[in-house]
């Protein structure tokens, strides 16, 4: 897959703008909820972390949703309280959604971080 830094930056800008205007939908999947509880966090804390993401945290996307619905999905990973966190975001006509916010299970490569191959 060819990664376009400009595309990731633009996605994050559009995602954050949309999430600010119409609020961020955080999918209440049990895996996401359990992880937030383990970290002692609330949805608004997760939103703050999502809003702090940059292209350096990006590792995959754009891709289509498994359910076939319209929109673009990008995947990110970052550290939260020493834990590697996997974050999957979707932007569509219906708004900005956080699909996944849980422990990162598999190692990933960050195409825009120096020294990370």
C-alpha atoms as a PDB file:
ATOM      1  CA  UNK A   1       0.000   0.000   0.000  1.00  0.00           C
ATOM      2  CA  UNK A   2       1.223   3.481  -0.850  1.00  0.00           C
ATOM      3  CA  UNK A   3       0.918   5.824   2.105  1.00  0.00           C
ATOM      4  CA  UNK A   4       0.238   9.490   1.396  1.00  0.00           C
ATOM      5  CA  UNK A   5       1.191  11.762   4.278  1.00  0.00           C
ATOM      6  CA  UNK A   6      -0.855  14.621   2.847  1.00  0.00           C
ATOM      7  CA  UNK A   7      -3.915  12.360   2.674  1.00  0.00           C
ATOM      8  CA  UNK A   8      -3.567  11.344   6.326  1.00  0.00           C
ATOM      9  CA  UNK A   9      -3.133  14.962   7.440  1.00  0.00           C
ATOM     10  CA  UNK A  10      -6.213  15.946   5.445  1.00  0.00           C
ATOM     11  CA  UNK A  11      -8.240  13.036   6.870  1.00  0.00           C
ATOM     12  CA  UNK A  12      -7.355  14.023  10.439  1.00  0.00           C
ATOM     13  CA  UNK A  13      -8.254  17.641   9.758  1.00  0.00           C
ATOM     14  CA  UNK A  14     -11.648  16.701   8.278  1.00  0.00           C
ATOM     15  CA  UNK A  15     -12.284  14.111  10.996  1.00  0.00           C
ATOM     16  CA  UNK A  16     -11.533  16.515  13.858  1.00  0.00           C
ATOM     17  CA  UNK A  17     -13.587  19.304  12.265  1.00  0.00           C
ATOM     18  CA  UNK A  18     -16.545  16.970  11.765  1.00  0.00           C
ATOM     19  CA  UNK A  19     -16.210  15.503  15.279  1.00  0.00           C
ATOM     20  CA  UNK A  20     -16.198  19.015  16.736  1.00  0.00           C
ATOM     21  CA  UNK A  21     -19.267  20.149  14.786  1.00  0.00           C
ATOM     22  CA  UNK A  22     -21.458  17.071  15.149  1.00  0.00           C
ATOM     23  CA  UNK A  23     -19.735  15.362  18.071  1.00  0.00           C
ATOM     24  CA  UNK A  24     -17.763  12.164  17.876  1.00  0.00           C
ATOM     25  CA  UNK A  25     -19.674   8.884  17.901  1.00  0.00           C
ATOM     26  CA  UNK A  26     -17.811   6.359  20.022  1.00  0.00           C
ATOM     27  CA  UNK A  27     -19.036   2.858  19.200  1.00  0.00           C
ATOM     28  CA  UNK A  28     -19.894   1.184  22.500  1.00  0.00           C
ATOM     29  CA  UNK A  29     -18.266  -2.133  21.709  1.00  0.00           C
ATOM     30  CA  UNK A  30     -17.557  -4.189  24.809  1.00  0.00           C
ATOM     31  CA  UNK A  31     -13.851  -4.389  23.943  1.00  0.00           C
ATOM     32  CA  UNK A  32     -13.651  -0.568  23.820  1.00  0.00           C
ATOM     33  CA  UNK A  33     -15.592  -0.107  27.059  1.00  0.00           C
ATOM     34  CA  UNK A  34     -13.554  -2.734  28.936  1.00  0.00           C
ATOM     35  CA  UNK A  35     -10.307  -1.100  27.823  1.00  0.00           C
ATOM     36  CA  UNK A  36     -11.430   2.353  28.962  1.00  0.00           C
ATOM     37  CA  UNK A  37     -12.449   0.909  32.330  1.00  0.00           C
ATOM     38  CA  UNK A  38      -9.066  -0.820  32.668  1.00  0.00           C
ATOM     39  CA  UNK A  39      -7.327   2.514  32.017  1.00  0.00           C
ATOM     40  CA  UNK A  40      -9.677   4.365  34.372  1.00  0.00           C
ATOM     41  CA  UNK A  41     -10.843   6.586  31.517  1.00  0.00           C
ATOM     42  CA  UNK A  42     -14.113   7.924  30.164  1.00  0.00           C
ATOM     43  CA  UNK A  43     -15.292   8.558  26.593  1.00  0.00           C
ATOM     44  CA  UNK A  44     -14.253  12.215  26.796  1.00  0.00           C
ATOM     45  CA  UNK A  45     -10.702  11.116  27.682  1.00  0.00           C
ATOM     46  CA  UNK A  46     -10.628   8.908  24.598  1.00  0.00           C
ATOM     47  CA  UNK A  47     -11.882  11.853  22.537  1.00  0.00           C
ATOM     48  CA  UNK A  48      -8.991  13.991  23.826  1.00  0.00           C
ATOM     49  CA  UNK A  49      -6.529  11.296  22.768  1.00  0.00           C
ATOM     50  CA  UNK A  50      -8.166  11.014  19.345  1.00  0.00           C
ATOM     51  CA  UNK A  51      -7.938  14.789  18.904  1.00  0.00           C
ATOM     52  CA  UNK A  52      -4.211  14.619  19.728  1.00  0.00           C
ATOM     53  CA  UNK A  53      -3.456  12.082  16.961  1.00  0.00           C
ATOM     54  CA  UNK A  54      -1.135  13.159  14.162  1.00  0.00           C
ATOM     55  CA  UNK A  55       0.096  11.602  10.951  1.00  0.00           C
ATOM     56  CA  UNK A  56       2.974  10.125  12.978  1.00  0.00           C
ATOM     57  CA  UNK A  57       0.465   7.841  14.759  1.00  0.00           C
ATOM     58  CA  UNK A  58      -0.960   6.582  11.449  1.00  0.00           C
ATOM     59  CA  UNK A  59      -0.243   3.077  10.187  1.00  0.00           C
ATOM     60  CA  UNK A  60      -3.035   2.014   7.796  1.00  0.00           C
ATOM     61  CA  UNK A  61      -5.765   3.320   5.519  1.00  0.00           C
ATOM     62  CA  UNK A  62      -7.734   4.440   3.819  1.00  0.00           C
ATOM     63  CA  UNK A  63      -9.849   1.323   3.680  1.00  0.00           C
ATOM     64  CA  UNK A  64     -13.518   0.475   3.361  1.00  0.00           C
ATOM     65  CA  UNK A  65     -15.747  -0.627   6.213  1.00  0.00           C
ATOM     66  CA  UNK A  66     -16.281  -4.377   6.581  1.00  0.00           C
ATOM     67  CA  UNK A  67     -20.041  -3.771   6.705  1.00  0.00           C
ATOM     68  CA  UNK A  68     -19.966  -2.242   3.226  1.00  0.00           C
ATOM     69  CA  UNK A  69     -21.168   1.195   4.364  1.00  0.00           C
ATOM     70  CA  UNK A  70     -19.777   4.354   2.783  1.00  0.00           C
ATOM     71  CA  UNK A  71     -16.883   6.256   4.313  1.00  0.00           C
ATOM     72  CA  UNK A  72     -13.166   6.034   4.803  1.00  0.00           C
ATOM     73  CA  UNK A  73     -11.364   4.252   7.614  1.00  0.00           C
ATOM     74  CA  UNK A  74      -7.898   5.053   8.916  1.00  0.00           C
ATOM     75  CA  UNK A  75      -5.997   3.219  11.648  1.00  0.00           C
ATOM     76  CA  UNK A  76      -3.702   4.700  14.264  1.00  0.00           C
ATOM     77  CA  UNK A  77      -1.767   3.590  17.325  1.00  0.00           C
ATOM     78  CA  UNK A  78      -0.455   5.599  20.245  1.00  0.00           C
ATOM     79  CA  UNK A  79       0.635   5.165  23.845  1.00  0.00           C
ATOM     80  CA  UNK A  80      -1.762   5.874  26.697  1.00  0.00           C
ATOM     81  CA  UNK A  81      -0.478   5.442  30.252  1.00  0.00           C
ATOM     82  CA  UNK A  82       2.242   3.155  28.876  1.00  0.00           C
ATOM     83  CA  UNK A  83      -0.226   0.988  26.936  1.00  0.00           C
ATOM     84  CA  UNK A  84      -0.168   0.617  23.154  1.00  0.00           C
ATOM     85  CA  UNK A  85      -3.613   1.644  21.941  1.00  0.00           C
ATOM     86  CA  UNK A  86      -5.218   0.775  18.613  1.00  0.00           C
ATOM     87  CA  UNK A  87      -7.592   3.430  17.268  1.00  0.00           C
ATOM     88  CA  UNK A  88      -9.762   2.924  14.191  1.00  0.00           C
ATOM     89  CA  UNK A  89     -11.563   6.023  12.905  1.00  0.00           C
ATOM     90  CA  UNK A  90     -14.248   6.365  10.262  1.00  0.00           C
ATOM     91  CA  UNK A  91     -15.444   9.480   8.479  1.00  0.00           C
ATOM     92  CA  UNK A  92     -18.578   9.365   6.334  1.00  0.00           C
ATOM     93  CA  UNK A  93     -21.606  11.434   5.411  1.00  0.00           C
ATOM     94  CA  UNK A  94     -23.165  10.370   8.708  1.00  0.00           C
ATOM     95  CA  UNK A  95     -20.302  11.802  10.762  1.00  0.00           C
ATOM     96  CA  UNK A  96     -17.115  10.971  12.616  1.00  0.00           C
ATOM     97  CA  UNK A  97     -16.906   7.635  14.429  1.00  0.00           C
ATOM     98  CA  UNK A  98     -14.388   5.886  16.625  1.00  0.00           C
ATOM     99  CA  UNK A  99     -14.864   2.217  15.775  1.00  0.00           C
ATOM    100  CA  UNK A 100     -12.044   0.833  17.913  1.00  0.00           C
ATOM    101  CA  UNK A 101     -10.187   2.083  20.956  1.00  0.00           C
ATOM    102  CA  UNK A 102      -8.475  -0.824  22.669  1.00  0.00           C
ATOM    103  CA  UNK A 103      -5.170  -2.547  23.262  1.00  0.00           C
ATOM    104  CA  UNK A 104      -2.969  -2.933  20.198  1.00  0.00           C
ATOM    105  CA  UNK A 105      -2.542  -6.661  19.692  1.00  0.00           C
ATOM    106  CA  UNK A 106      -0.265  -6.903  16.649  1.00  0.00           C
ATOM    107  CA  UNK A 107       2.917  -4.930  15.977  1.00  0.00           C
ATOM    108  CA  UNK A 108       2.542  -2.181  13.377  1.00  0.00           C
ATOM    109  CA  UNK A 109       4.863  -0.011  11.300  1.00  0.00           C
ATOM    110  CA  UNK A 110       4.467   3.722  11.184  1.00  0.00           C
ATOM    111  CA  UNK A 111       5.337   4.942   7.686  1.00  0.00           C
ATOM    112  CA  UNK A 112       5.909   8.567   8.715  1.00  0.00           C
ATOM    113  CA  UNK A 113       8.009   8.042  11.853  1.00  0.00           C
ATOM    114  CA  UNK A 114      11.741   8.172  11.293  1.00  0.00           C
ATOM    115  CA  UNK A 115      13.507   4.953  12.097  1.00  0.00           C
ATOM    116  CA  UNK A 116      10.292   2.915  12.037  1.00  0.00           C
ATOM    117  CA  UNK A 117      10.126   0.519   9.114  1.00  0.00           C
END
